[in-house]
Amino acid sequence: MKYILMLTLLFLMGCSSTTKKNTGIVQGEFYPCPTTPNCVSSMAPKENSHYIKPIIYEKITRKLANKKIIEILNNLKNTKIIESNDKYIHAEIQSSFFKFVDDIEFYFPTNKNIIHIRSLSRTGHSDFGVNRKRMEKIRVKFYE
């Protein structure tokens, strides 16, 4: 029975795509979330299940807000920053057990005290809320 479960898991992992999905900012916006429930974005329509609140900051500069996000990411386990500039950060997070990779993004629009956020699984259909929980954890750390 144990071997059947292992073979089933390996088969299912092999059937899921590990292709990197679209990341980045196009005309001031993230790529839309796919129809699968493994993505959250502050740029999704508010009535959409993918919607998550952006991070709002006050009394600090955009540069300092950017620096805080980088510090948070540098302290997250299995996280690698792929791209970072004054308006955009893209990082990859790898799960400890199955080694699945998720993409997380942060967009800092000019002249606004807001950080748009997006987290997307590269594989599978459902993430069991992992992307949302991760971004909420980052939000809490940002406000500490």
C-alpha atoms as a PDB file:
ATOM      1  CA  MET A   1       0.000   0.000   0.000  1.00  0.00           C
ATOM      2  CA  LYS A   2       2.843   2.348   0.908  1.00  0.00           C
ATOM      3  CA  TYR A   3       4.466   1.821  -2.494  1.00  0.00           C
ATOM      4  CA  ILE A   4       1.221   2.447  -4.346  1.00  0.00           C
ATOM      5  CA  LEU A   5       0.831   5.782  -2.541  1.00  0.00           C
ATOM      6  CA  MET A   6       4.416   6.753  -3.389  1.00  0.00           C
ATOM      7  CA  LEU A   7       3.972   5.811  -7.057  1.00  0.00           C
ATOM      8  CA  THR A   8       0.699   7.752  -7.208  1.00  0.00           C
ATOM      9  CA  LEU A   9       2.355  10.847  -5.732  1.00  0.00           C
ATOM     10  CA  LEU A  10       5.274  10.595  -8.174  1.00  0.00           C
ATOM     11  CA  PHE A  11       2.851  10.181 -11.082  1.00  0.00           C
ATOM     12  CA  LEU A  12       0.790  13.199 -10.035  1.00  0.00           C
ATOM     13  CA  MET A  13       3.919  15.317  -9.581  1.00  0.00           C
ATOM     14  CA  GLY A  14       5.096  14.294 -13.035  1.00  0.00           C
ATOM     15  CA  CYS A  15       1.755  15.282 -14.550  1.00  0.00           C
ATOM     16  CA  SER A  16       1.888  18.801 -13.205  1.00  0.00           C
ATOM     17  CA  SER A  17       3.666  21.491 -15.123  1.00  0.00           C
ATOM     18  CA  THR A  18       6.840  23.022 -13.693  1.00  0.00           C
ATOM     19  CA  THR A  19       6.942  25.675 -16.365  1.00  0.00           C
ATOM     20  CA  LYS A  20       7.524  29.175 -15.073  1.00  0.00           C
ATOM     21  CA  LYS A  21       4.365  31.197 -15.451  1.00  0.00           C
ATOM     22  CA  ASN A  22       4.274  34.813 -16.592  1.00  0.00           C
ATOM     23  CA  THR A  23       5.728  37.203 -14.059  1.00  0.00           C
ATOM     24  CA  GLY A  24       6.587  40.865 -14.230  1.00  0.00           C
ATOM     25  CA  ILE A  25       4.807  44.144 -14.780  1.00  0.00           C
ATOM     26  CA  VAL A  26       3.128  44.948 -18.093  1.00  0.00           C
ATOM     27  CA  GLN A  27       1.719  48.460 -18.494  1.00  0.00           C
ATOM     28  CA  GLY A  28       1.723  48.957 -14.729  1.00  0.00           C
ATOM     29  CA  GLU A  29      -0.011  45.665 -13.883  1.00  0.00           C
ATOM     30  CA  PHE A  30       0.794  42.081 -12.938  1.00  0.00           C
ATOM     31  CA  TYR A  31      -0.203  39.336 -15.311  1.00  0.00           C
ATOM     32  CA  PRO A  32      -3.699  38.161 -14.333  1.00  0.00           C
ATOM     33  CA  CYS A  33      -4.024  35.086 -12.141  1.00  0.00           C
ATOM     34  CA  PRO A  34      -4.914  31.900 -13.992  1.00  0.00           C
ATOM     35  CA  THR A  35      -8.326  30.333 -13.381  1.00  0.00           C
ATOM     36  CA  THR A  36      -6.819  27.810 -10.958  1.00  0.00           C
ATOM     37  CA  PRO A  37      -7.154  28.613  -7.230  1.00  0.00           C
ATOM     38  CA  ASN A  38      -3.382  28.706  -6.598  1.00  0.00           C
ATOM     39  CA  CYS A  39      -2.777  32.439  -7.082  1.00  0.00           C
ATOM     40  CA  VAL A  40      -3.504  35.646  -5.193  1.00  0.00           C
ATOM     41  CA  SER A  41      -3.089  39.192  -6.478  1.00  0.00           C
ATOM     42  CA  SER A  42      -3.913  42.645  -5.177  1.00  0.00           C
ATOM     43  CA  MET A  43      -4.671  43.604  -8.772  1.00  0.00           C
ATOM     44  CA  ALA A  44      -7.425  41.007  -9.169  1.00  0.00           C
ATOM     45  CA  PRO A  45     -10.975  42.404  -9.005  1.00  0.00           C
ATOM     46  CA  LYS A  46     -12.088  42.715  -5.365  1.00  0.00           C
ATOM     47  CA  GLU A  47     -15.019  40.344  -5.867  1.00  0.00           C
ATOM     48  CA  ASN A  48     -12.675  37.686  -7.320  1.00  0.00           C
ATOM     49  CA  SER A  49     -11.431  34.812  -5.111  1.00  0.00           C
ATOM     50  CA  HIS A  50      -7.848  35.661  -6.169  1.00  0.00           C
ATOM     51  CA  TYR A  51      -8.017  39.125  -4.611  1.00  0.00           C
ATOM     52  CA  ILE A  52      -5.778  39.983  -1.678  1.00  0.00           C
ATOM     53  CA  LYS A  53      -5.339  43.442  -0.161  1.00  0.00           C
ATOM     54  CA  PRO A  54      -2.183  45.333  -1.157  1.00  0.00           C
ATOM     55  CA  ILE A  55       0.260  46.494   1.502  1.00  0.00           C
ATOM     56  CA  ILE A  56      -0.280  50.142   2.364  1.00  0.00           C
ATOM     57  CA  TYR A  57       2.524  52.103   4.003  1.00  0.00           C
ATOM     58  CA  GLU A  58       2.689  55.547   5.566  1.00  0.00           C
ATOM     59  CA  LYS A  59       5.439  57.650   7.132  1.00  0.00           C
ATOM     60  CA  ILE A  60       8.170  55.898   5.156  1.00  0.00           C
ATOM     61  CA  THR A  61       9.501  56.313   1.637  1.00  0.00           C
ATOM     62  CA  ARG A  62       9.001  53.907  -1.234  1.00  0.00           C
ATOM     63  CA  LYS A  63      12.731  53.181  -1.056  1.00  0.00           C
ATOM     64  CA  LEU A  64      12.452  52.145   2.597  1.00  0.00           C
ATOM     65  CA  ALA A  65       9.324  50.081   1.899  1.00  0.00           C
ATOM     66  CA  ASN A  66      11.234  48.278  -0.867  1.00  0.00           C
ATOM     67  CA  LYS A  67      14.154  47.674   1.504  1.00  0.00           C
ATOM     68  CA  LYS A  68      11.814  46.232   4.149  1.00  0.00           C
ATOM     69  CA  ILE A  69      10.351  43.749   1.652  1.00  0.00           C
ATOM     70  CA  ILE A  70      13.841  42.654   0.601  1.00  0.00           C
ATOM     71  CA  GLU A  71      14.824  42.137   4.253  1.00  0.00           C
ATOM     72  CA  ILE A  72      11.698  40.060   4.854  1.00  0.00           C
ATOM     73  CA  LEU A  73      12.395  37.920   1.773  1.00  0.00           C
ATOM     74  CA  ASN A  74      16.036  37.437   2.767  1.00  0.00           C
ATOM     75  CA  ASN A  75      14.813  35.996   6.073  1.00  0.00           C
ATOM     76  CA  LEU A  76      12.250  33.603   4.563  1.00  0.00           C
ATOM     77  CA  LYS A  77      13.322  29.980   4.276  1.00  0.00           C
ATOM     78  CA  ASN A  78      14.005  28.612   0.751  1.00  0.00           C
ATOM     79  CA  THR A  79      13.551  32.042  -0.865  1.00  0.00           C
ATOM     80  CA  LYS A  80      15.645  33.445  -3.688  1.00  0.00           C
ATOM     81  CA  ILE A  81      15.286  36.979  -5.040  1.00  0.00           C
ATOM     82  CA  ILE A  82      15.331  36.794  -8.838  1.00  0.00           C
ATOM     83  CA  GLU A  83      14.837  40.445  -9.755  1.00  0.00           C
ATOM     84  CA  SER A  84      14.885  43.582  -7.671  1.00  0.00           C
ATOM     85  CA  ASN A  85      14.719  47.264  -8.531  1.00  0.00           C
ATOM     86  CA  ASP A  86      13.065  50.347  -7.044  1.00  0.00           C
ATOM     87  CA  LYS A  87       9.634  49.481  -8.537  1.00  0.00           C
ATOM     88  CA  TYR A  88       9.519  45.678  -8.630  1.00  0.00           C
ATOM     89  CA  ILE A  89      10.703  42.594  -6.760  1.00  0.00           C
ATOM     90  CA  HIS A  90      10.321  39.008  -7.962  1.00  0.00           C
ATOM     91  CA  ALA A  91      11.317  36.068  -5.762  1.00  0.00           C
ATOM     92  CA  GLU A  92      10.989  32.305  -5.897  1.00  0.00           C
ATOM     93  CA  ILE A  93      10.083  30.188  -2.874  1.00  0.00           C
ATOM     94  CA  GLN A  94      10.662  26.443  -2.890  1.00  0.00           C
ATOM     95  CA  SER A  95       8.624  24.141  -0.663  1.00  0.00           C
ATOM     96  CA  SER A  96      10.698  22.057   1.731  1.00  0.00           C
ATOM     97  CA  PHE A  97       9.266  18.615   1.031  1.00  0.00           C
ATOM     98  CA  PHE A  98       8.172  18.374  -2.611  1.00  0.00           C
ATOM     99  CA  LYS A  99      10.440  21.213  -3.844  1.00  0.00           C
ATOM    100  CA  PHE A 100       7.548  22.976  -5.632  1.00  0.00           C
ATOM    101  CA  VAL A 101       8.421  26.531  -6.687  1.00  0.00           C
ATOM    102  CA  ASP A 102       6.103  29.495  -6.219  1.00  0.00           C
ATOM    103  CA  ASP A 103       6.649  32.986  -7.624  1.00  0.00           C
ATOM    104  CA  ILE A 104       6.012  36.036  -5.459  1.00  0.00           C
ATOM    105  CA  GLU A 105       5.977  39.596  -6.742  1.00  0.00           C
ATOM    106  CA  PHE A 106       5.850  43.088  -5.300  1.00  0.00           C
ATOM    107  CA  TYR A 107       5.131  46.234  -7.308  1.00  0.00           C
ATOM    108  CA  PHE A 108       5.780  49.733  -5.954  1.00  0.00           C
ATOM    109  CA  PRO A 109       3.889  52.247  -8.133  1.00  0.00           C
ATOM    110  CA  THR A 110       5.416  55.709  -8.360  1.00  0.00           C
ATOM    111  CA  ASN A 111       3.814  58.416  -6.184  1.00  0.00           C
ATOM    112  CA  LYS A 112       1.601  55.972  -4.277  1.00  0.00           C
ATOM    113  CA  ASN A 113       2.107  54.518  -0.795  1.00  0.00           C
ATOM    114  CA  ILE A 114       1.076  51.045  -1.870  1.00  0.00           C
ATOM    115  CA  ILE A 115       2.772  47.747  -2.591  1.00  0.00           C
ATOM    116  CA  HIS A 116       0.835  45.514  -4.935  1.00  0.00           C
ATOM    117  CA  ILE A 117       1.429  41.835  -4.214  1.00  0.00           C
ATOM    118  CA  ARG A 118       1.046  38.589  -6.140  1.00  0.00           C
ATOM    119  CA  SER A 119       1.859  34.971  -5.293  1.00  0.00           C
ATOM    120  CA  LEU A 120       1.455  32.117  -7.759  1.00  0.00           C
ATOM    121  CA  SER A 121       2.153  28.385  -7.686  1.00  0.00           C
ATOM    122  CA  ARG A 122       3.900  27.031 -10.761  1.00  0.00           C
ATOM    123  CA  THR A 123       2.511  23.537 -10.363  1.00  0.00           C
ATOM    124  CA  GLY A 124      -0.744  21.859  -9.531  1.00  0.00           C
ATOM    125  CA  HIS A 125      -4.271  23.108  -9.305  1.00  0.00           C
ATOM    126  CA  SER A 126      -4.926  24.024  -5.681  1.00  0.00           C
ATOM    127  CA  ASP A 127      -2.384  25.285  -3.180  1.00  0.00           C
ATOM    128  CA  PHE A 128      -4.647  24.802  -0.117  1.00  0.00           C
ATOM    129  CA  GLY A 129      -4.312  28.519   0.647  1.00  0.00           C
ATOM    130  CA  VAL A 130      -0.507  28.515   0.889  1.00  0.00           C
ATOM    131  CA  ASN A 131       0.001  31.563  -1.345  1.00  0.00           C
ATOM    132  CA  ARG A 132      -2.537  33.675   0.555  1.00  0.00           C
ATOM    133  CA  LYS A 133      -1.123  32.640   3.951  1.00  0.00           C
ATOM    134  CA  ARG A 134       2.409  33.428   2.795  1.00  0.00           C
ATOM    135  CA  MET A 135       1.523  36.915   1.607  1.00  0.00           C
ATOM    136  CA  GLU A 136      -0.430  37.639   4.795  1.00  0.00           C
ATOM    137  CA  LYS A 137       2.615  36.525   6.802  1.00  0.00           C
ATOM    138  CA  ILE A 138       4.775  38.930   4.780  1.00  0.00           C
ATOM    139  CA  ARG A 139       2.227  41.712   5.403  1.00  0.00           C
ATOM    140  CA  VAL A 140       2.402  41.129   9.181  1.00  0.00           C
ATOM    141  CA  LYS A 141       6.216  41.180   9.109  1.00  0.00           C
ATOM    142  CA  PHE A 142       6.149  44.410   7.082  1.00  0.00           C
ATOM    143  CA  TYR A 143       4.068  46.190   9.749  1.00  0.00           C
ATOM    144  CA  GLU A 144       6.158  44.934  12.696  1.00  0.00           C
END
